[in-house]
Amino acid sequence: MRRNVSVVCILCLLLVLTTGCWSRRELNELAIVTGVGIDKVDNEYLLSLQVLNMGQAGSEAPGGGGGSSLPVTTQYMKADSVFEGIRRLTTELPRKLYFAHIRVLVFGEALAREGLRDILDLFLRDHEIRPDFFLIVTKGVEAKEVMSQIVPIEQSPATALLKSLEISEKNWAPTVAITLDEFITDLMKVGKEGVMTGLQLNGDPRQGQTDANLKTVHPRSHFRFSSIGVFKNDKLVGWLNEDESRGFSYITDRIDATVTDVPCDSGGRATVEILRSHTNLKGSAPRGEPVITVEVESEGNVGEVSCKEDLSKPETIYALERKAERKIESFIQQAVRKARQSSRSDIFGFGEAIHRYDPRNWNRLKDDWDRYFMSAKVETRIDVKLRRTGKVGQSFIDKMK
C-alpha cells in the first residue's frame, strides 16, 4: 500500500513538472523565411530575406490561383551586423521572422572575398536554424538581385534554387550542393578547404523582379549554376570553370550521373552517359614527398553518336572507353592545376587523404601543407566501362539515301 502511494505521488509530481507546448507559436504569428541573401555595401550588411506570403502560398501557380499578390515577398535591411539587421526588420514586419525553413543562404561575391566566418557562426549558433540548407555564392551579381527574382514553375524562388541545385548535382558533374554543416566541417579540417556553388543571372535582373517575368515564354531573367567558388579558410579566392568543376567532382567522389563528349576516329563526336562513378582518394608521403592517387571507376552508356562508328563492334566500345578515361583524366588535371595556380587551396582534401592513409608522415607535413600541396604528385587510375549502346548498334543515319 505504501509503495502504491509513493508511485502516485511521483506521477503527480511529474505531471506538475510537465510544461506542455510552452514554446508554441501560431502560424498566423510567423513570417516564414525561405531564403536569405547577404551583401556588403558601404561597410554595412545588406540583408535580403525572402518571406512566404501565407495567403498566396497555396495557389496553384505563382502570382495566380488564390489571389492577386505574389506567393513571396523580399524584405531588405541594412545594418552593422547581420543579427542587428534581422532585429531591425521587426520595425517593418507585422510578424516574427521564423528561420527554421531556410532553403538557401546566398552570399554576394564581394562579401565572400572579405570572409564569412562571423556570419556562418551566427547561422550555426541559432537554435532555431537547422544547418542542412545550401550555401551559394554569386558571380558577377549581388545576392540582393538573386533574392528579388520572380521565377516560373516554383512558387518560391528560394525553393526553385534548392530544387534546381539538387537536380543539377545529381545529373551534371560541374554542380555541387554544399550545406552549412558540410562547409563548416571543411573549415575545421586540416588538409581540406571548402567550396560553394556559383550562381549567375542571365538577362536583365531588374526585369526579373516583377510578375512580367512569369508572363512570357522565355523569362527575361533567370539564374544558372555556372561554376564552383574556391575558398581559402572562409574567404573566396577564385573560381573553377566548367571542366575544372567536373574534375573537382570526380576527385571528391561527388558524381552521381553526368555526360561527357569524346571524339570519334571517323570524325564527329559521341556522348557518354555516366550512370555510376566511385572515387577512392589515397595519399602517402614516402621520404617526405606527398603522393596522391586518384582511383576512379565509372560505368555508363553510349547516349548519342554523331559519327560513323559501328557500336556493335567490341573494339569500337573499347576505344570509346579509353577516350572517356583520358577525358576524365584531363578534367582532374585541369582542376588540380587551377587550384594550385590561382588559389593555392587544397579543396580536394589531398592533405586529409595523407592524414588518413599515412598519419606518421602527415605529422611532418601538416604545418607546412600549403607548400607541399603545390608540389604533391598526383597519379590517376581511371577505369570506364560502357554497358549499353541503346536500342541500336549502328545508327540509321549511315543508311540514309
Protein backbone atom coordinates (compact mmCIF):
# COMPACT_ATOMS: atom_id res chain seq x y z
CA MET A 1 0.00 0.00 0.00
CA ARG A 2 2.76 2.41 0.96
CA ARG A 3 4.52 1.58 -2.34
CA ASN A 4 1.39 2.46 -4.35
CA VAL A 5 1.09 5.80 -2.58
CA SER A 6 4.70 6.58 -3.44
CA VAL A 7 4.13 5.78 -7.10
CA VAL A 8 1.04 8.04 -7.21
CA CYS A 9 2.99 10.89 -5.61
CA ILE A 10 5.80 10.56 -8.14
CA LEU A 11 3.33 10.57 -11.04
CA CYS A 12 1.62 13.67 -9.68
CA LEU A 13 4.98 15.40 -9.33
CA LEU A 14 5.85 14.56 -12.93
CA LEU A 15 2.52 15.96 -14.14
CA VAL A 16 3.22 19.21 -12.31
CA LEU A 17 6.67 19.49 -13.91
CA THR A 18 5.34 18.77 -17.41
CA THR A 19 5.19 22.11 -19.21
CA GLY A 20 3.41 21.06 -22.40
CA CYS A 21 3.76 23.23 -25.53
CA TRP A 22 5.26 26.17 -23.66
CA SER A 23 7.19 27.40 -26.73
CA ARG A 24 4.42 27.01 -29.32
CA ARG A 25 3.76 29.79 -31.83
CA GLU A 26 0.75 30.09 -34.07
CA LEU A 27 1.31 30.06 -37.83
CA ASN A 28 -0.53 33.34 -38.26
CA GLU A 29 2.02 34.99 -35.96
CA LEU A 30 5.08 33.99 -38.02
CA ALA A 31 6.81 35.26 -41.16
CA ILE A 32 8.41 32.12 -42.61
CA VAL A 33 11.80 32.86 -44.18
CA THR A 34 12.71 30.55 -47.08
CA GLY A 35 15.85 32.25 -48.38
CA VAL A 36 18.45 34.75 -47.17
CA GLY A 37 20.80 36.87 -49.26
CA ILE A 38 23.65 38.89 -47.73
CA ASP A 39 25.80 41.57 -49.38
CA LYS A 40 28.37 44.05 -48.09
CA VAL A 41 27.56 47.64 -49.09
CA ASP A 42 29.40 50.70 -47.72
CA ASN A 43 30.78 48.75 -44.74
CA GLU A 44 27.28 47.59 -43.83
CA TYR A 45 25.49 44.30 -44.33
CA LEU A 46 22.55 44.35 -46.73
CA LEU A 47 20.06 41.60 -45.89
CA SER A 48 17.53 40.29 -48.42
CA LEU A 49 15.03 37.98 -46.75
CA GLN A 50 12.53 36.06 -48.83
CA VAL A 51 9.34 35.56 -46.82
CA LEU A 52 6.32 33.43 -47.71
CA ASN A 53 3.06 35.25 -48.28
CA MET A 54 0.89 32.75 -46.45
CA GLY A 55 -2.28 33.98 -48.16
CA GLN A 56 -0.84 33.01 -51.56
CA ALA A 57 1.46 30.08 -50.73
CA GLY A 58 -1.21 27.53 -51.58
CA SER A 59 -2.02 28.89 -55.05
CA GLU A 60 -1.56 26.59 -58.00
CA ALA A 61 0.74 28.94 -59.86
CA PRO A 62 2.98 31.86 -58.94
CA GLY A 63 1.02 35.06 -58.91
CA GLY A 64 -2.32 33.35 -59.51
CA GLY A 65 -4.91 30.95 -58.23
CA GLY A 66 -5.78 32.13 -54.73
CA GLY A 67 -5.36 35.90 -55.14
CA SER A 68 -3.69 38.77 -56.90
CA SER A 69 -0.40 39.06 -54.98
CA LEU A 70 2.78 37.03 -55.34
CA PRO A 71 3.45 33.99 -53.13
CA VAL A 72 6.61 35.56 -51.67
CA THR A 73 7.91 38.96 -50.70
CA THR A 74 11.52 40.07 -50.24
CA GLN A 75 12.40 42.34 -47.33
CA TYR A 76 15.62 44.41 -47.25
CA MET A 77 17.55 45.90 -44.37
CA LYS A 78 20.98 47.48 -43.85
CA ALA A 79 22.80 47.18 -40.54
CA ASP A 80 26.24 46.99 -38.95
CA SER A 81 25.75 43.26 -38.29
CA VAL A 82 23.52 40.52 -39.65
CA PHE A 83 21.91 39.87 -36.29
CA GLU A 84 21.12 43.56 -35.88
CA GLY A 85 19.62 43.66 -39.36
CA ILE A 86 17.30 40.75 -38.56
CA ARG A 87 16.07 42.51 -35.42
CA ARG A 88 15.67 45.82 -37.26
CA LEU A 89 13.28 44.14 -39.70
CA THR A 90 10.78 43.77 -36.86
CA THR A 91 10.13 47.50 -37.27
CA GLU A 92 8.74 46.84 -40.76
CA LEU A 93 7.06 43.44 -40.48
CA PRO A 94 3.83 42.59 -38.62
CA ARG A 95 5.05 39.08 -37.80
CA LYS A 96 8.05 37.46 -36.12
CA LEU A 97 10.67 36.13 -38.52
CA TYR A 98 10.91 32.32 -38.43
CA PHE A 99 14.11 30.80 -39.84
CA ALA A 100 13.56 27.05 -39.37
CA HIS A 101 12.59 26.57 -43.04
CA ILE A 102 15.51 28.28 -44.79
CA ARG A 103 16.26 26.62 -48.14
CA VAL A 104 19.28 28.63 -49.32
CA LEU A 105 21.74 31.19 -47.97
CA VAL A 106 23.18 33.34 -50.77
CA PHE A 107 26.37 35.39 -50.34
CA GLY A 108 27.39 38.26 -52.59
CA GLU A 109 30.78 37.78 -54.24
CA ALA A 110 32.30 40.91 -52.66
CA LEU A 111 31.27 39.79 -49.17
CA ALA A 112 32.58 36.25 -49.75
CA ARG A 113 36.00 37.64 -50.69
CA GLU A 114 36.16 39.53 -47.37
CA GLY A 115 35.32 36.44 -45.29
CA LEU A 116 32.24 34.68 -43.94
CA ARG A 117 33.24 33.24 -40.58
CA ASP A 118 31.16 35.61 -38.40
CA ILE A 119 28.03 35.12 -40.48
CA LEU A 120 28.42 31.36 -40.58
CA ASP A 121 28.85 31.31 -36.81
CA LEU A 122 25.56 33.18 -36.39
CA PHE A 123 23.57 30.75 -38.55
CA LEU A 124 25.16 27.73 -36.89
CA ARG A 125 24.69 29.09 -33.37
CA ASP A 126 20.98 29.92 -33.61
CA HIS A 127 18.99 27.06 -32.06
CA GLU A 128 16.05 27.67 -34.39
CA ILE A 129 18.02 27.15 -37.63
CA ARG A 130 18.81 23.69 -38.99
CA PRO A 131 22.26 23.56 -40.68
CA ASP A 132 21.09 21.49 -43.68
CA PHE A 133 20.32 24.35 -46.10
CA PHE A 134 22.50 25.07 -49.14
CA LEU A 135 25.16 27.77 -49.42
CA ILE A 136 25.52 29.69 -52.70
CA VAL A 137 27.92 32.44 -53.75
CA THR A 138 27.01 34.83 -56.55
CA LYS A 139 29.27 35.58 -59.51
CA GLY A 140 29.07 39.00 -61.13
CA VAL A 141 25.80 39.90 -59.41
CA GLU A 142 24.63 40.88 -55.93
CA ALA A 143 22.78 38.49 -53.64
CA LYS A 144 20.01 41.11 -53.42
CA GLU A 145 19.29 40.75 -57.14
CA VAL A 146 19.17 36.95 -56.87
CA MET A 147 16.73 37.02 -53.94
CA SER A 148 14.50 39.52 -55.78
CA GLN A 149 13.84 37.31 -58.81
CA ILE A 150 10.36 36.03 -59.63
CA VAL A 151 10.72 32.64 -61.28
CA PRO A 152 8.33 30.35 -63.19
CA ILE A 153 7.31 26.80 -62.22
CA GLU A 154 8.07 27.07 -58.49
CA GLN A 155 6.12 29.42 -56.22
CA SER A 156 9.11 30.39 -54.07
CA PRO A 157 12.36 31.48 -55.78
CA ALA A 158 14.29 30.02 -52.84
CA THR A 159 12.60 26.67 -53.40
CA ALA A 160 13.43 26.92 -57.11
CA LEU A 161 17.11 27.41 -56.22
CA LEU A 162 17.00 24.45 -53.84
CA LYS A 163 15.37 22.02 -56.27
CA SER A 164 17.44 23.14 -59.25
CA LEU A 165 20.63 22.68 -57.24
CA GLU A 166 19.60 19.20 -56.05
CA ILE A 167 18.64 18.03 -59.55
CA SER A 168 21.66 19.59 -61.24
CA GLU A 169 24.11 17.99 -58.80
CA LYS A 170 22.65 14.54 -59.47
CA ASN A 171 22.77 14.89 -63.26
CA TRP A 172 25.53 17.36 -64.10
CA ALA A 173 29.07 16.95 -62.76
CA PRO A 174 30.11 20.65 -62.59
CA THR A 175 27.42 21.43 -59.98
CA VAL A 176 27.95 20.78 -56.27
CA ALA A 177 25.42 21.25 -53.46
CA ILE A 178 27.15 22.31 -50.24
CA THR A 179 25.26 22.61 -46.95
CA LEU A 180 26.17 24.83 -44.00
CA ASP A 181 27.34 21.97 -41.78
CA GLU A 182 29.42 20.48 -44.62
CA PHE A 183 31.19 23.78 -45.32
CA ILE A 184 31.94 24.40 -41.63
CA THR A 185 33.29 20.86 -41.30
CA ASP A 186 35.72 21.61 -44.14
CA LEU A 187 36.76 24.83 -42.40
CA MET A 188 37.78 22.85 -39.32
CA LYS A 189 39.65 20.09 -41.15
CA VAL A 190 43.40 20.20 -41.56
CA GLY A 191 44.32 19.48 -45.19
CA LYS A 192 40.93 20.39 -46.69
CA GLU A 193 39.41 23.68 -47.89
CA GLY A 194 35.81 24.49 -48.73
CA VAL A 195 33.88 25.29 -51.90
CA MET A 196 30.45 26.69 -52.78
CA THR A 197 28.43 26.51 -55.94
CA GLY A 198 28.50 29.69 -58.02
CA LEU A 199 25.35 31.37 -59.32
CA GLN A 200 24.92 33.78 -62.23
CA LEU A 201 21.91 35.67 -63.57
CA ASN A 202 21.24 35.69 -67.30
CA GLY A 203 19.23 38.53 -68.78
CA ASP A 204 18.16 41.77 -67.09
CA PRO A 205 17.87 41.27 -63.29
CA ARG A 206 15.53 44.26 -62.99
CA GLN A 207 13.00 42.73 -65.38
CA GLY A 208 13.11 39.51 -63.38
CA GLN A 209 11.83 41.29 -60.27
CA THR A 210 8.24 41.67 -61.49
CA ASP A 211 5.47 39.23 -62.34
CA ALA A 212 6.04 40.12 -66.01
CA ASN A 213 8.83 37.52 -65.83
CA LEU A 214 6.09 34.89 -65.50
CA LYS A 215 4.03 36.10 -68.44
CA THR A 216 6.45 35.28 -71.24
CA VAL A 217 7.52 32.02 -72.87
CA HIS A 218 11.17 32.90 -72.36
CA PRO A 219 11.78 34.58 -68.96
CA ARG A 220 13.60 37.87 -69.24
CA SER A 221 15.87 36.91 -66.36
CA HIS A 222 16.83 33.53 -64.98
CA PHE A 223 19.57 32.07 -62.78
CA ARG A 224 22.17 29.50 -63.73
CA PHE A 225 24.66 27.45 -61.70
CA SER A 226 27.82 28.06 -63.67
CA SER A 227 30.95 27.26 -61.67
CA ILE A 228 32.44 26.43 -58.28
CA GLY A 229 33.76 29.06 -55.89
CA VAL A 230 37.13 28.15 -54.30
CA PHE A 231 37.72 29.18 -50.68
CA LYS A 232 40.83 29.58 -48.57
CA ASN A 233 39.67 29.30 -44.99
CA ASP A 234 36.46 31.40 -45.04
CA LYS A 235 37.38 33.68 -47.96
CA LEU A 236 36.53 33.28 -51.65
CA VAL A 237 39.80 33.27 -53.59
CA GLY A 238 38.91 32.04 -57.09
CA TRP A 239 36.63 30.15 -59.46
CA LEU A 240 36.71 26.84 -61.29
CA ASN A 241 35.31 26.82 -64.83
CA GLU A 242 33.01 24.08 -66.07
CA ASP A 243 35.67 21.50 -66.98
CA GLU A 244 37.67 22.20 -63.82
CA SER A 245 34.47 21.80 -61.78
CA ARG A 246 33.97 18.39 -63.39
CA GLY A 247 37.46 17.43 -62.28
CA PHE A 248 36.73 18.57 -58.72
CA SER A 249 33.58 16.42 -58.62
CA TYR A 250 35.46 13.35 -59.86
CA ILE A 251 38.29 13.79 -57.33
CA THR A 252 35.94 14.32 -54.39
CA ASP A 253 33.57 11.47 -55.35
CA ARG A 254 30.55 13.71 -55.95
CA ILE A 255 29.48 12.19 -59.30
CA ASP A 256 26.02 10.66 -59.40
CA ALA A 257 25.41 10.98 -63.14
CA THR A 258 26.70 13.18 -65.93
CA VAL A 259 27.60 13.21 -69.62
CA THR A 260 30.94 13.56 -71.43
CA ASP A 261 31.70 14.12 -75.11
CA VAL A 262 34.51 12.14 -76.74
CA PRO A 263 35.86 12.37 -80.32
CA CYS A 264 35.29 9.60 -82.86
CA ASP A 265 38.07 8.23 -85.08
CA SER A 266 35.89 8.79 -88.15
CA GLY A 267 35.14 12.39 -87.24
CA GLY A 268 32.31 13.81 -85.19
CA ARG A 269 31.63 13.08 -81.54
CA ALA A 270 29.97 10.56 -79.25
CA THR A 271 28.33 11.38 -75.92
CA VAL A 272 28.97 9.03 -73.00
CA GLU A 273 26.40 8.98 -70.22
CA ILE A 274 27.99 8.23 -66.85
CA LEU A 275 25.44 6.49 -64.62
CA ARG A 276 27.61 5.43 -61.69
CA SER A 277 31.00 6.57 -60.51
CA HIS A 278 33.15 5.98 -57.45
CA THR A 279 36.44 7.61 -56.50
CA ASN A 280 38.95 6.31 -53.97
CA LEU A 281 41.40 9.03 -52.92
CA LYS A 282 44.63 7.81 -51.34
CA GLY A 283 47.64 9.67 -50.05
CA SER A 284 51.12 8.92 -48.76
CA ALA A 285 54.38 10.75 -48.19
CA PRO A 286 57.35 8.40 -48.60
CA ARG A 287 60.60 10.22 -47.78
CA GLY A 288 58.59 13.35 -47.12
CA GLU A 289 57.33 13.71 -50.70
CA PRO A 290 53.50 13.66 -50.90
CA VAL A 291 51.92 11.36 -53.48
CA ILE A 292 48.18 11.40 -54.19
CA THR A 293 46.43 8.58 -56.03
CA VAL A 294 43.01 9.22 -57.57
CA GLU A 295 41.25 5.95 -58.47
CA VAL A 296 38.05 6.43 -60.49
CA GLU A 297 35.69 3.62 -61.52
CA SER A 298 32.79 4.68 -63.74
CA GLU A 299 30.00 2.88 -65.58
CA GLY A 300 27.80 4.27 -68.28
CA ASN A 301 26.14 4.01 -71.66
CA VAL A 302 26.61 5.49 -75.09
CA GLY A 303 23.98 8.19 -75.16
CA GLU A 304 24.41 9.91 -78.52
CA VAL A 305 26.51 9.30 -81.62
CA SER A 306 27.13 11.89 -84.33
CA CYS A 307 29.78 9.95 -86.22
CA LYS A 308 30.10 6.84 -88.40
CA GLU A 309 31.07 4.37 -85.69
CA ASP A 310 29.73 0.81 -85.59
CA LEU A 311 28.87 0.31 -81.94
CA SER A 312 28.14 -3.38 -82.49
CA LYS A 313 31.89 -3.99 -82.66
CA PRO A 314 33.64 -4.56 -79.29
CA GLU A 315 36.75 -2.70 -80.44
CA THR A 316 34.64 0.43 -81.01
CA ILE A 317 33.35 0.28 -77.44
CA TYR A 318 36.86 -0.29 -76.07
CA ALA A 319 38.11 2.74 -77.98
CA LEU A 320 35.32 4.94 -76.59
CA GLU A 321 36.09 3.73 -73.06
CA ARG A 322 39.77 4.70 -73.38
CA LYS A 323 38.83 8.12 -74.75
CA ALA A 324 36.39 8.69 -71.89
CA GLU A 325 39.15 7.76 -69.43
CA ARG A 326 41.53 10.27 -70.99
CA LYS A 327 38.81 12.94 -70.88
CA ILE A 328 38.20 12.37 -67.18
CA GLU A 329 41.94 12.46 -66.51
CA SER A 330 42.08 15.80 -68.34
CA PHE A 331 39.32 17.21 -66.13
CA ILE A 332 41.18 16.10 -63.00
CA GLN A 333 44.50 17.58 -64.08
CA GLN A 334 42.84 20.88 -65.05
CA ALA A 335 41.17 21.15 -61.64
CA VAL A 336 44.41 20.47 -59.75
CA ARG A 337 46.33 22.94 -61.91
CA LYS A 338 43.76 25.69 -61.35
CA ALA A 339 43.57 25.13 -57.59
CA ARG A 340 47.34 25.45 -57.38
CA GLN A 341 47.93 28.33 -59.74
CA SER A 342 45.08 30.69 -58.87
CA SER A 343 44.22 29.95 -55.24
CA ARG A 344 46.84 27.64 -53.66
CA SER A 345 43.89 25.97 -51.92
CA ASP A 346 43.56 22.24 -51.23
CA ILE A 347 39.85 21.94 -51.98
CA PHE A 348 40.23 18.24 -52.82
CA GLY A 349 41.30 17.01 -49.39
CA PHE A 350 44.73 15.75 -50.50
CA GLY A 351 46.14 16.54 -47.07
CA GLU A 352 43.27 14.76 -45.39
CA ALA A 353 43.94 11.69 -47.57
CA ILE A 354 47.57 11.59 -46.43
CA HIS A 355 46.43 12.03 -42.83
CA ARG A 356 44.09 9.06 -43.25
CA TYR A 357 46.49 6.66 -45.02
CA ASP A 358 49.89 7.80 -43.74
CA PRO A 359 49.40 9.61 -40.41
CA ARG A 360 53.02 9.34 -39.31
CA ASN A 361 54.38 11.20 -42.32
CA TRP A 362 51.43 13.60 -42.28
CA ASN A 363 52.57 14.93 -38.90
CA ARG A 364 55.78 16.05 -40.63
CA LEU A 365 53.91 17.85 -43.42
CA LYS A 366 50.82 19.41 -41.85
CA ASP A 367 52.45 22.59 -40.50
CA ASP A 368 53.66 23.49 -44.00
CA TRP A 369 50.98 21.78 -46.06
CA ASP A 370 50.28 24.81 -48.27
CA ARG A 371 53.78 24.46 -49.69
CA TYR A 372 53.66 20.68 -50.02
CA PHE A 373 50.27 20.87 -51.74
CA MET A 374 51.82 22.85 -54.57
CA SER A 375 54.35 20.08 -55.33
CA ALA A 376 52.37 16.93 -54.46
CA LYS A 377 52.50 14.29 -57.19
CA VAL A 378 49.01 13.37 -58.44
CA GLU A 379 48.57 9.96 -60.07
CA THR A 380 45.31 8.87 -61.72
CA ARG A 381 43.91 5.38 -62.29
CA ILE A 382 40.70 5.61 -64.26
CA ASP A 383 38.52 2.75 -65.47
CA VAL A 384 35.40 3.40 -67.57
CA LYS A 385 33.03 0.61 -68.61
CA LEU A 386 30.29 1.21 -71.19
CA ARG A 387 27.49 -1.33 -70.66
CA ARG A 388 24.88 -0.40 -73.27
CA THR A 389 24.55 1.42 -76.58
CA GLY A 390 20.79 1.94 -76.63
CA LYS A 391 18.34 0.09 -78.84
CA VAL A 392 20.56 0.15 -81.94
CA GLY A 393 24.22 -0.59 -82.58
CA GLN A 394 24.77 1.22 -85.85
CA SER A 395 22.92 4.48 -86.49
CA PHE A 396 20.29 4.65 -89.23
CA ILE A 397 21.95 7.89 -90.36
CA ASP A 398 24.65 5.91 -92.19
CA LYS A 399 21.97 4.09 -94.21
CA MET A 400 20.00 7.12 -95.29
CA LYS A 401 19.64 7.65 -99.04
